[in-house]
């Protein structure tokens, strides 16, 4: 049996490794097509490598191609899949090194092509210094630009989401003057506007020029190099521009082959990560990672969440099933964290907008507290917001904005939500306490208590 994998990062290589673990080379041949120069790397770590917190690029590589080859996986770098022939069960790939086309037959196909950056027409200019941040090759290109003479002095980051704020921090750490442009009223639209306002003020206090309601209309160049970013109202000088406008599932190749897509543009799969169509799972076609659509377990709605955590889990599930085992991926609840300099931002579950769209009636509660006992050195402030269903008090969502040791508290809230706890049940959680780690009433417990009061007041 032959397995062909499209995409050699988290999902694809997790699937290949798990399948290989269960079926040896005499029972399963594995061929991986990867269009870049690297396998099994942390794309989430790229901003921290660019900013200098991570010193070496290869520190982001969990397993290089030679390690996979030693395990009996035929990894072919710089091979970009350009066609899928479902009738003849073959993948066509372009070899960027030789210019040749390769046609590889398969019995099983693992589609793990990831996501691609959203790039509006105004961003597609023939000038150096404009970058997306999606692959390790992208990170290499940014590093070369920042290290070359003349050294860039001014950075404009377009988009105030996760990649945007992380790359803003990276540019600050590199000593550049940074402008962050966000078209919404507040950055970090993955949290509610009141929490986004806290993020806005905190980022601005770090010396980053944050411009909201900024609608970019073009990028200007001079002599083959980026010169400025133009909005409806102003022009911002730039020596380097980073696009943080989000990503979309990389599913064009699948759609061209006749594989149906979900409402999010991602591939639809069942619990075992088999690609599904109108009549059920497609024979021998699997998918995982940033190219798939999954289910939000609180709203029940289809959702596209491009995160490495999900990609690795989904790839592992697919690989186990490919190898004859049994595993499932039930869905997500939307847990995510990020930071910009000393500020930490976290969320899980639904925002108010998402809860409304899902049909929930709800109450909210927000509190301010500290990461440690107030008298203990280093205590830092944080704000926690909870969203709970009216009447039942079921926890629907939570957000945290604060300083050091704030964001990872979201994990306790995610576990509570995963297990369908009410905010009242959470008030009795046996959370750890010692002055260096928490006040005697942890901020999570204070927020749960206030949310419980809101549920009771709502009747």
Protein backbone atom coordinates (compact mmCIF):
# COMPACT_ATOMS: atom_id res chain seq x y z
CA UNK A 1 0.00 0.00 0.00
CA UNK A 2 1.26 3.49 -0.83
CA UNK A 3 0.44 6.66 1.11
CA UNK A 4 1.11 10.01 -0.57
CA UNK A 5 1.18 13.05 1.71
CA UNK A 6 0.74 16.60 0.42
CA UNK A 7 2.45 18.92 2.92
CA UNK A 8 5.42 18.14 5.14
CA UNK A 9 4.71 20.15 8.26
CA UNK A 10 2.73 19.47 11.44
CA UNK A 11 -0.35 17.63 10.17
CA UNK A 12 1.25 15.80 7.26
CA UNK A 13 4.30 14.54 9.10
CA UNK A 14 2.31 13.64 12.22
CA UNK A 15 0.07 11.49 10.03
CA UNK A 16 3.02 9.95 8.18
CA UNK A 17 4.90 9.20 11.42
CA UNK A 18 1.90 7.61 13.11
CA UNK A 19 1.10 5.49 10.06
CA UNK A 20 4.74 4.40 9.83
CA UNK A 21 4.77 3.53 13.55
CA UNK A 22 1.92 1.08 12.99
CA UNK A 23 2.85 -0.25 9.55
CA UNK A 24 6.45 -0.98 8.64
CA UNK A 25 8.05 -0.25 5.23
CA UNK A 26 7.17 -3.74 4.01
CA UNK A 27 3.45 -2.97 4.46
CA UNK A 28 3.27 0.76 3.72
CA UNK A 29 5.29 2.98 1.39
CA UNK A 30 5.09 6.70 2.26
CA UNK A 31 5.94 9.57 -0.11
CA UNK A 32 5.72 13.18 1.10
CA UNK A 33 5.64 16.20 -1.22
CA UNK A 34 6.76 19.43 0.48
CA UNK A 35 7.08 22.62 -1.56
CA UNK A 36 9.46 24.30 0.91
CA UNK A 37 12.91 23.52 2.28
CA UNK A 38 11.86 22.24 5.74
CA UNK A 39 9.70 19.64 7.48
CA UNK A 40 8.07 19.44 10.90
CA UNK A 41 8.78 22.99 12.05
CA UNK A 42 7.01 25.45 14.34
CA UNK A 43 5.51 28.20 12.20
CA UNK A 44 4.18 29.73 15.43
CA UNK A 45 7.78 30.32 16.51
CA UNK A 46 8.76 32.41 13.47
CA UNK A 47 7.99 35.84 15.05
CA UNK A 48 10.14 34.95 18.08
CA UNK A 49 13.03 33.88 15.87
CA UNK A 50 12.77 37.10 13.86
CA UNK A 51 12.60 39.13 17.08
CA UNK A 52 15.64 37.42 18.57
CA UNK A 53 14.07 35.47 21.45
CA UNK A 54 14.90 32.29 19.51
CA UNK A 55 18.51 32.49 18.36
CA UNK A 56 18.69 29.87 15.63
CA UNK A 57 16.28 28.99 12.84
CA UNK A 58 16.89 25.26 13.22
CA UNK A 59 15.67 25.43 16.82
CA UNK A 60 12.17 25.65 15.31
CA UNK A 61 12.62 22.36 13.42
CA UNK A 62 11.31 19.41 15.42
CA UNK A 63 12.43 16.78 12.90
CA UNK A 64 14.38 17.42 9.72
CA UNK A 65 13.90 15.54 6.42
CA UNK A 66 16.84 13.21 7.06
CA UNK A 67 15.32 12.06 10.34
CA UNK A 68 12.06 11.25 8.56
CA UNK A 69 13.92 9.46 5.79
CA UNK A 70 15.77 7.39 8.37
CA UNK A 71 12.35 6.32 9.65
CA UNK A 72 11.39 5.08 6.18
CA UNK A 73 9.47 8.11 4.91
CA UNK A 74 10.39 9.31 1.40
CA UNK A 75 10.43 13.11 1.87
CA UNK A 76 10.77 15.12 -1.34
CA UNK A 77 11.53 18.78 -0.68
CA UNK A 78 10.83 21.53 -3.21
CA UNK A 79 8.15 19.35 -4.74
CA UNK A 80 4.89 21.25 -5.06
CA UNK A 81 1.72 19.25 -5.65
CA UNK A 82 -0.05 20.77 -8.66
CA UNK A 83 -2.72 18.20 -9.44
CA UNK A 84 -4.73 15.34 -7.97
CA UNK A 85 -6.20 12.70 -10.28
CA UNK A 86 -8.83 10.93 -8.19
CA UNK A 87 -9.91 8.62 -11.01
CA UNK A 88 -6.39 7.29 -11.62
CA UNK A 89 -5.38 7.70 -7.95
CA UNK A 90 -2.28 9.81 -8.55
CA UNK A 91 -0.73 13.11 -7.44
CA UNK A 92 1.16 15.31 -9.89
CA UNK A 93 3.99 17.38 -8.37
CA UNK A 94 6.34 20.00 -9.80
CA UNK A 95 10.02 19.58 -8.89
CA UNK A 96 11.28 23.14 -8.40
CA UNK A 97 14.89 22.00 -8.50
CA UNK A 98 14.75 20.35 -11.93
CA UNK A 99 11.59 21.79 -13.44
CA UNK A 100 10.26 18.28 -14.04
CA UNK A 101 6.81 16.97 -13.23
CA UNK A 102 6.44 13.84 -11.12
CA UNK A 103 3.36 11.62 -11.16
CA UNK A 104 3.01 9.50 -8.02
CA UNK A 105 0.25 6.87 -7.72
CA UNK A 106 -1.40 6.37 -4.31
CA UNK A 107 -3.68 4.00 -2.49
CA UNK A 108 -4.21 6.47 0.36
CA UNK A 109 -3.91 10.26 0.12
CA UNK A 110 -3.19 12.58 3.05
CA UNK A 111 -4.06 16.19 2.18
CA UNK A 112 -2.21 18.50 4.60
CA UNK A 113 -1.52 21.56 2.45
CA UNK A 114 -2.06 23.99 5.33
CA UNK A 115 -3.20 27.56 4.83
CA UNK A 116 -2.09 30.51 2.72
CA UNK A 117 -1.93 34.17 3.77
CA UNK A 118 -4.75 36.48 2.74
CA UNK A 119 -3.09 38.80 0.21
CA UNK A 120 -5.28 41.56 -1.28
CA UNK A 121 -4.54 42.86 -4.74
CA UNK A 122 -2.96 46.06 -3.40
CA UNK A 123 -0.34 43.94 -1.58
CA UNK A 124 0.85 42.18 -4.74
CA UNK A 125 3.51 44.63 -5.87
CA UNK A 126 6.84 43.88 -7.60
CA UNK A 127 8.95 45.36 -4.81
CA UNK A 128 11.15 43.96 -2.07
CA UNK A 129 10.27 44.32 1.59
CA UNK A 130 6.66 43.08 1.68
CA UNK A 131 6.23 39.79 3.50
CA UNK A 132 3.66 37.29 4.67
CA UNK A 133 4.52 35.08 7.64
CA UNK A 134 3.41 31.52 6.96
CA UNK A 135 6.41 29.26 6.39
CA UNK A 136 9.98 28.95 7.59
CA UNK A 137 11.03 30.06 4.10
CA UNK A 138 9.06 33.28 4.75
CA UNK A 139 10.99 33.73 7.99
CA UNK A 140 14.29 33.26 6.16
CA UNK A 141 13.30 35.95 3.64
CA UNK A 142 12.37 38.43 6.39
CA UNK A 143 15.64 37.79 8.22
CA UNK A 144 17.66 38.42 5.06
CA UNK A 145 15.83 41.68 4.44
CA UNK A 146 16.27 42.95 8.00
CA UNK A 147 19.98 42.05 8.02
CA UNK A 148 20.82 43.55 4.62
CA UNK A 149 22.13 47.07 4.00
CA UNK A 150 20.63 49.56 4.14
CA UNK A 151 19.15 48.31 7.40
CA UNK A 152 15.38 48.93 7.66
CA UNK A 153 14.41 51.51 10.26
CA UNK A 154 10.62 51.68 9.95
CA UNK A 155 8.18 48.76 9.93
CA UNK A 156 4.48 48.82 9.13
CA UNK A 157 2.46 45.79 10.21
CA UNK A 158 -0.93 45.48 8.50
CA UNK A 159 -3.44 43.58 10.62
CA UNK A 160 -3.86 43.50 14.39
CA UNK A 161 -4.54 39.80 14.91
CA UNK A 162 -2.20 37.15 16.32
CA UNK A 163 0.47 37.35 13.62
CA UNK A 164 0.20 41.13 13.49
CA UNK A 165 0.82 41.78 17.18
CA UNK A 166 3.52 39.09 17.37
CA UNK A 167 5.35 40.57 14.40
CA UNK A 168 4.96 44.07 15.84
CA UNK A 169 6.78 42.81 18.93
CA UNK A 170 9.45 41.19 16.76
CA UNK A 171 10.10 44.47 14.94
CA UNK A 172 10.25 46.41 18.21
CA UNK A 173 12.78 43.91 19.52
CA UNK A 174 14.83 44.43 16.35
CA UNK A 175 14.95 48.15 17.12
CA UNK A 176 12.59 49.35 14.39
CA UNK A 177 9.97 52.05 14.74
CA UNK A 178 6.67 50.20 14.34
CA UNK A 179 3.23 51.23 13.10
CA UNK A 180 0.37 48.73 13.45
CA UNK A 181 -2.60 49.25 11.12
CA UNK A 182 -5.93 47.61 11.94
CA UNK A 183 -9.14 48.17 9.95
CA UNK A 184 -11.43 47.32 12.90
CA UNK A 185 -12.18 49.66 15.83
CA UNK A 186 -9.77 47.70 18.02
CA UNK A 187 -6.89 45.25 17.50
CA UNK A 188 -7.31 41.58 18.40
CA UNK A 189 -10.82 41.08 17.01
CA UNK A 190 -10.71 37.55 18.43
CA UNK A 191 -11.63 39.10 21.79
CA UNK A 192 -14.55 41.39 22.57
CA UNK A 193 -14.13 45.13 21.86
CA UNK A 194 -13.90 46.05 25.56
CA UNK A 195 -10.97 43.64 25.96
CA UNK A 196 -9.53 44.74 22.60
CA UNK A 197 -9.49 48.31 23.93
CA UNK A 198 -7.26 47.14 26.79
CA UNK A 199 -4.95 45.52 24.24
CA UNK A 200 -4.91 48.74 22.21
CA UNK A 201 -3.85 50.92 25.14
CA UNK A 202 -1.24 48.43 26.33
CA UNK A 203 0.34 48.07 22.88
CA UNK A 204 0.42 51.85 22.41
CA UNK A 205 2.12 52.20 25.80
CA UNK A 206 4.96 50.04 24.45
CA UNK A 207 5.76 52.69 21.86
CA UNK A 208 3.96 51.06 18.93
CA UNK A 209 1.92 53.51 16.84
CA UNK A 210 -1.47 51.76 16.74
CA UNK A 211 -3.91 53.03 14.12
CA UNK A 212 -7.44 51.59 14.15
CA UNK A 213 -10.17 52.04 11.54
CA UNK A 214 -7.26 52.14 9.10
CA UNK A 215 -8.25 50.99 5.62
CA UNK A 216 -5.17 50.27 3.53
CA UNK A 217 -5.47 51.18 -0.14
CA UNK A 218 -1.98 50.51 -1.44
CA UNK A 219 1.73 50.00 -0.94
CA UNK A 220 4.18 52.38 -2.62
CA UNK A 221 7.66 51.43 -3.79
CA UNK A 222 10.77 53.25 -4.96
CA UNK A 223 13.66 51.68 -6.83
CA UNK A 224 12.38 48.15 -6.25
CA UNK A 225 12.01 48.61 -2.48
CA UNK A 226 8.91 49.28 -0.42
CA UNK A 227 8.58 52.96 0.50
CA UNK A 228 5.21 53.49 2.22
CA UNK A 229 1.79 52.11 3.06
CA UNK A 230 -1.14 54.26 1.98
CA UNK A 231 -4.50 54.32 3.80
CA UNK A 232 -7.60 56.35 3.01
CA UNK A 233 -6.39 59.12 5.30
CA UNK A 234 -2.61 58.97 5.57
CA UNK A 235 0.67 57.66 4.23
CA UNK A 236 3.03 55.72 6.53
CA UNK A 237 6.73 55.49 5.59
CA UNK A 238 8.02 51.91 5.63
CA UNK A 239 11.25 50.05 4.96
CA UNK A 240 9.57 46.71 5.64
CA UNK A 241 5.89 45.73 5.54
CA UNK A 242 4.43 42.66 7.23
CA UNK A 243 1.04 41.32 6.17
CA UNK A 244 -0.93 39.98 9.13
CA UNK A 245 -4.32 39.81 7.45
CA UNK A 246 -5.10 36.24 8.38
CA UNK A 247 -5.04 33.04 6.36
CA UNK A 248 -7.43 30.90 4.37
CA UNK A 249 -7.44 27.12 3.86
CA UNK A 250 -5.11 26.04 1.06
CA UNK A 251 -7.72 23.93 -0.71
CA UNK A 252 -7.62 25.12 -4.33
CA UNK A 253 -5.86 21.92 -5.41
CA UNK A 254 -8.48 19.76 -3.68
CA UNK A 255 -11.37 21.77 -5.13
CA UNK A 256 -9.88 21.52 -8.63
CA UNK A 257 -9.83 17.74 -8.19
CA UNK A 258 -13.55 17.74 -7.38
CA UNK A 259 -13.23 17.29 -3.63
CA UNK A 260 -16.10 19.22 -1.96
CA UNK A 261 -15.33 22.03 0.48
CA UNK A 262 -17.15 23.14 3.60
CA UNK A 263 -18.73 26.53 4.23
CA UNK A 264 -15.46 27.88 5.67
CA UNK A 265 -13.52 26.94 2.53
CA UNK A 266 -11.83 24.08 4.36
CA UNK A 267 -12.12 20.37 3.65
CA UNK A 268 -14.87 18.57 5.52
CA UNK A 269 -13.84 15.52 7.50
CA UNK A 270 -15.46 13.04 9.83
CA UNK A 271 -14.26 12.31 13.36
CA UNK A 272 -11.51 10.05 12.02
CA UNK A 273 -10.23 12.78 9.63
CA UNK A 274 -11.56 11.09 6.50
CA UNK A 275 -12.57 13.65 3.87
CA UNK A 276 -16.34 13.55 3.40
CA UNK A 277 -18.65 14.39 0.53
CA UNK A 278 -22.44 14.39 0.13
CA UNK A 279 -22.52 10.59 0.33
CA UNK A 280 -20.08 10.07 3.17
CA UNK A 281 -16.30 9.53 3.46
CA UNK A 282 -14.27 9.49 0.23
CA UNK A 283 -12.36 6.25 -0.20
CA UNK A 284 -8.76 6.58 0.98
CA UNK A 285 -8.76 10.43 1.16
CA UNK A 286 -7.71 12.02 4.46
CA UNK A 287 -7.06 15.60 5.55
CA UNK A 288 -5.79 17.45 8.62
CA UNK A 289 -4.40 20.78 9.74
CA UNK A 290 -4.99 24.33 8.57
CA UNK A 291 -6.72 23.17 5.38
CA UNK A 292 -9.67 21.51 7.15
CA UNK A 293 -12.92 22.68 8.63
CA UNK A 294 -13.75 21.56 12.14
CA UNK A 295 -16.63 21.94 14.62
CA UNK A 296 -16.84 24.44 17.46
CA UNK A 297 -18.04 22.36 20.41
CA UNK A 298 -19.82 25.28 22.14
CA UNK A 299 -21.64 26.84 19.17
CA UNK A 300 -21.97 23.60 17.20
CA UNK A 301 -21.02 25.54 14.07
CA UNK A 302 -18.36 24.74 11.44
CA UNK A 303 -15.20 26.78 11.95
CA UNK A 304 -11.71 27.21 10.52
CA UNK A 305 -9.07 27.48 13.26
CA UNK A 306 -5.49 27.41 11.89
CA UNK A 307 -3.39 26.43 14.92
CA UNK A 308 -0.46 24.07 15.26
CA UNK A 309 -2.04 22.35 18.27
CA UNK A 310 -5.01 21.21 16.21
CA UNK A 311 -2.85 20.33 13.18
CA UNK A 312 -0.68 17.98 15.22
CA UNK A 313 -3.67 16.33 16.92
CA UNK A 314 -5.60 15.93 13.69
CA UNK A 315 -2.55 14.54 11.88
CA UNK A 316 -1.97 12.07 14.68
CA UNK A 317 -5.61 10.92 14.53
CA UNK A 318 -5.43 10.48 10.76
CA UNK A 319 -2.17 8.53 11.00
CA UNK A 320 -3.51 6.19 13.66
CA UNK A 321 -6.52 5.40 11.50
CA UNK A 322 -4.38 5.05 8.37
CA UNK A 323 -2.32 2.51 10.26
CA UNK A 324 -5.33 0.40 11.19
CA UNK A 325 -6.00 1.85 14.65
CA UNK A 326 -8.88 3.94 15.87
CA UNK A 327 -8.84 7.55 17.02
CA UNK A 328 -11.12 10.58 16.72
CA UNK A 329 -10.87 14.37 16.76
CA UNK A 330 -14.10 15.76 18.28
CA UNK A 331 -13.64 19.47 17.57
CA UNK A 332 -12.36 22.63 19.23
CA UNK A 333 -13.46 25.33 21.65
CA UNK A 334 -11.25 28.10 20.28
CA UNK A 335 -8.52 28.38 22.90
CA UNK A 336 -5.61 30.63 21.93
CA UNK A 337 -2.95 32.84 23.52
CA UNK A 338 -0.47 35.42 22.29
CA UNK A 339 1.77 38.17 23.61
CA UNK A 340 3.23 41.48 22.53
CA UNK A 341 6.21 42.43 24.65
CA UNK A 342 4.96 42.21 28.27
CA UNK A 343 1.27 42.06 27.39
CA UNK A 344 -0.48 38.67 27.29
CA UNK A 345 -3.84 37.99 25.62
CA UNK A 346 -5.88 34.79 25.85
CA UNK A 347 -9.30 33.54 24.88
CA UNK A 348 -11.40 30.37 24.85
CA UNK A 349 -14.93 29.54 23.82
CA UNK A 350 -17.22 32.18 22.34
CA UNK A 351 -17.00 35.97 22.25
CA UNK A 352 -20.19 37.97 22.77
CA UNK A 353 -20.62 38.32 19.01
CA UNK A 354 -20.16 34.57 18.49
CA UNK A 355 -22.51 33.69 21.36
CA UNK A 356 -25.19 35.94 19.86
CA UNK A 357 -24.72 34.37 16.41
CA UNK A 358 -25.06 30.90 17.93
CA UNK A 359 -28.40 31.88 19.53
CA UNK A 360 -27.36 32.00 23.16
CA UNK A 361 -28.82 34.40 25.72
CA UNK A 362 -26.01 35.23 28.11
CA UNK A 363 -24.58 37.41 30.84
CA UNK A 364 -21.05 38.73 31.19
CA UNK A 365 -18.78 39.47 34.12
CA UNK A 366 -15.40 41.21 34.15
CA UNK A 367 -12.94 41.54 37.03
CA UNK A 368 -9.51 42.98 37.61
CA UNK A 369 -7.06 41.18 39.86
CA UNK A 370 -3.37 40.36 40.16
CA UNK A 371 -1.20 37.43 39.14
CA UNK A 372 0.22 37.05 42.67
CA UNK A 373 -0.69 38.18 46.17
CA UNK A 374 -0.77 41.98 46.04
CA UNK A 375 1.99 42.29 48.62
CA UNK A 376 4.32 39.85 46.84
CA UNK A 377 6.99 41.39 44.57
CA UNK A 378 6.16 41.23 40.87
CA UNK A 379 2.38 41.08 41.22
CA UNK A 380 0.92 42.22 37.88
CA UNK A 381 -2.61 43.21 36.98
CA UNK A 382 -4.92 41.25 34.72
CA UNK A 383 -8.51 41.48 33.53
CA UNK A 384 -10.69 38.39 33.13
CA UNK A 385 -14.02 38.35 31.34
CA UNK A 386 -16.49 35.47 31.44
CA UNK A 387 -19.55 34.84 29.30
CA UNK A 388 -22.19 32.50 30.77
CA UNK A 389 -25.53 31.27 29.50
CA UNK A 390 -28.57 32.80 31.15
CA UNK A 391 -30.52 30.49 33.44
CA UNK A 392 -28.09 27.54 33.27
CA UNK A 393 -24.88 29.47 34.02
CA UNK A 394 -22.98 27.30 31.52
CA UNK A 395 -19.58 28.83 30.77
CA UNK A 396 -19.63 29.88 27.10
CA UNK A 397 -16.42 31.86 26.79
CA UNK A 398 -13.62 33.64 28.59
CA UNK A 399 -10.91 36.18 27.81
CA UNK A 400 -7.83 37.40 29.66
CA UNK A 401 -5.68 40.49 29.11
CA UNK A 402 -2.80 41.06 31.49
CA UNK A 403 0.89 40.99 32.21
CA UNK A 404 3.23 38.13 33.05
CA UNK A 405 1.55 34.90 34.27
CA UNK A 406 -1.91 35.99 33.10
CA UNK A 407 -2.52 34.17 29.81
CA UNK A 408 -2.01 30.54 30.82
CA UNK A 409 -4.87 30.82 33.31
CA UNK A 410 -7.04 30.41 30.22
CA UNK A 411 -6.25 26.69 30.35
CA UNK A 412 -8.23 26.22 33.57
CA UNK A 413 -11.17 27.95 31.91
CA UNK A 414 -10.78 25.83 28.76
CA UNK A 415 -10.84 22.61 30.79
CA UNK A 416 -13.94 23.79 32.65
CA UNK A 417 -15.67 24.63 29.39
CA UNK A 418 -14.63 21.36 27.72
CA UNK A 419 -16.33 19.54 30.59
CA UNK A 420 -19.50 21.69 30.37
CA UNK A 421 -19.14 23.27 33.79
CA UNK A 422 -21.29 26.12 35.04
CA UNK A 423 -19.72 29.24 36.50
CA UNK A 424 -21.26 28.37 39.87
CA UNK A 425 -19.56 24.97 39.85
CA UNK A 426 -16.30 26.76 39.05
CA UNK A 427 -16.47 28.85 42.21
CA UNK A 428 -15.57 25.70 44.19
CA UNK A 429 -12.61 24.64 42.01
CA UNK A 430 -9.63 23.58 44.10
CA UNK A 431 -7.04 25.83 42.43
CA UNK A 432 -3.55 26.11 43.86
CA UNK A 433 -2.51 28.99 46.11
CA UNK A 434 0.71 30.47 47.39
CA UNK A 435 1.60 34.20 47.39
CA UNK A 436 4.25 33.89 44.61
CA UNK A 437 1.67 32.31 42.28
CA UNK A 438 -1.77 33.67 43.09
CA UNK A 439 -3.86 35.75 45.47
CA UNK A 440 -5.76 33.67 48.00
CA UNK A 441 -8.73 34.07 45.65
CA UNK A 442 -7.38 33.29 42.20
CA UNK A 443 -8.62 35.67 39.48
CA UNK A 444 -10.41 32.72 37.84
CA UNK A 445 -12.41 32.12 41.02
CA UNK A 446 -13.22 35.81 41.46
CA UNK A 447 -14.50 36.00 37.87
CA UNK A 448 -16.55 32.81 38.31
CA UNK A 449 -18.11 34.22 41.48
CA UNK A 450 -19.03 37.49 39.76
CA UNK A 451 -20.43 35.60 36.75
CA UNK A 452 -22.54 33.48 39.11
CA UNK A 453 -23.99 36.64 40.66
CA UNK A 454 -24.84 37.89 37.14
CA UNK A 455 -26.61 34.63 36.28
CA UNK A 456 -28.68 34.78 39.50
CA UNK A 457 -29.53 38.46 38.92
CA UNK A 458 -30.73 37.67 35.38
CA UNK A 459 -33.20 35.14 36.81
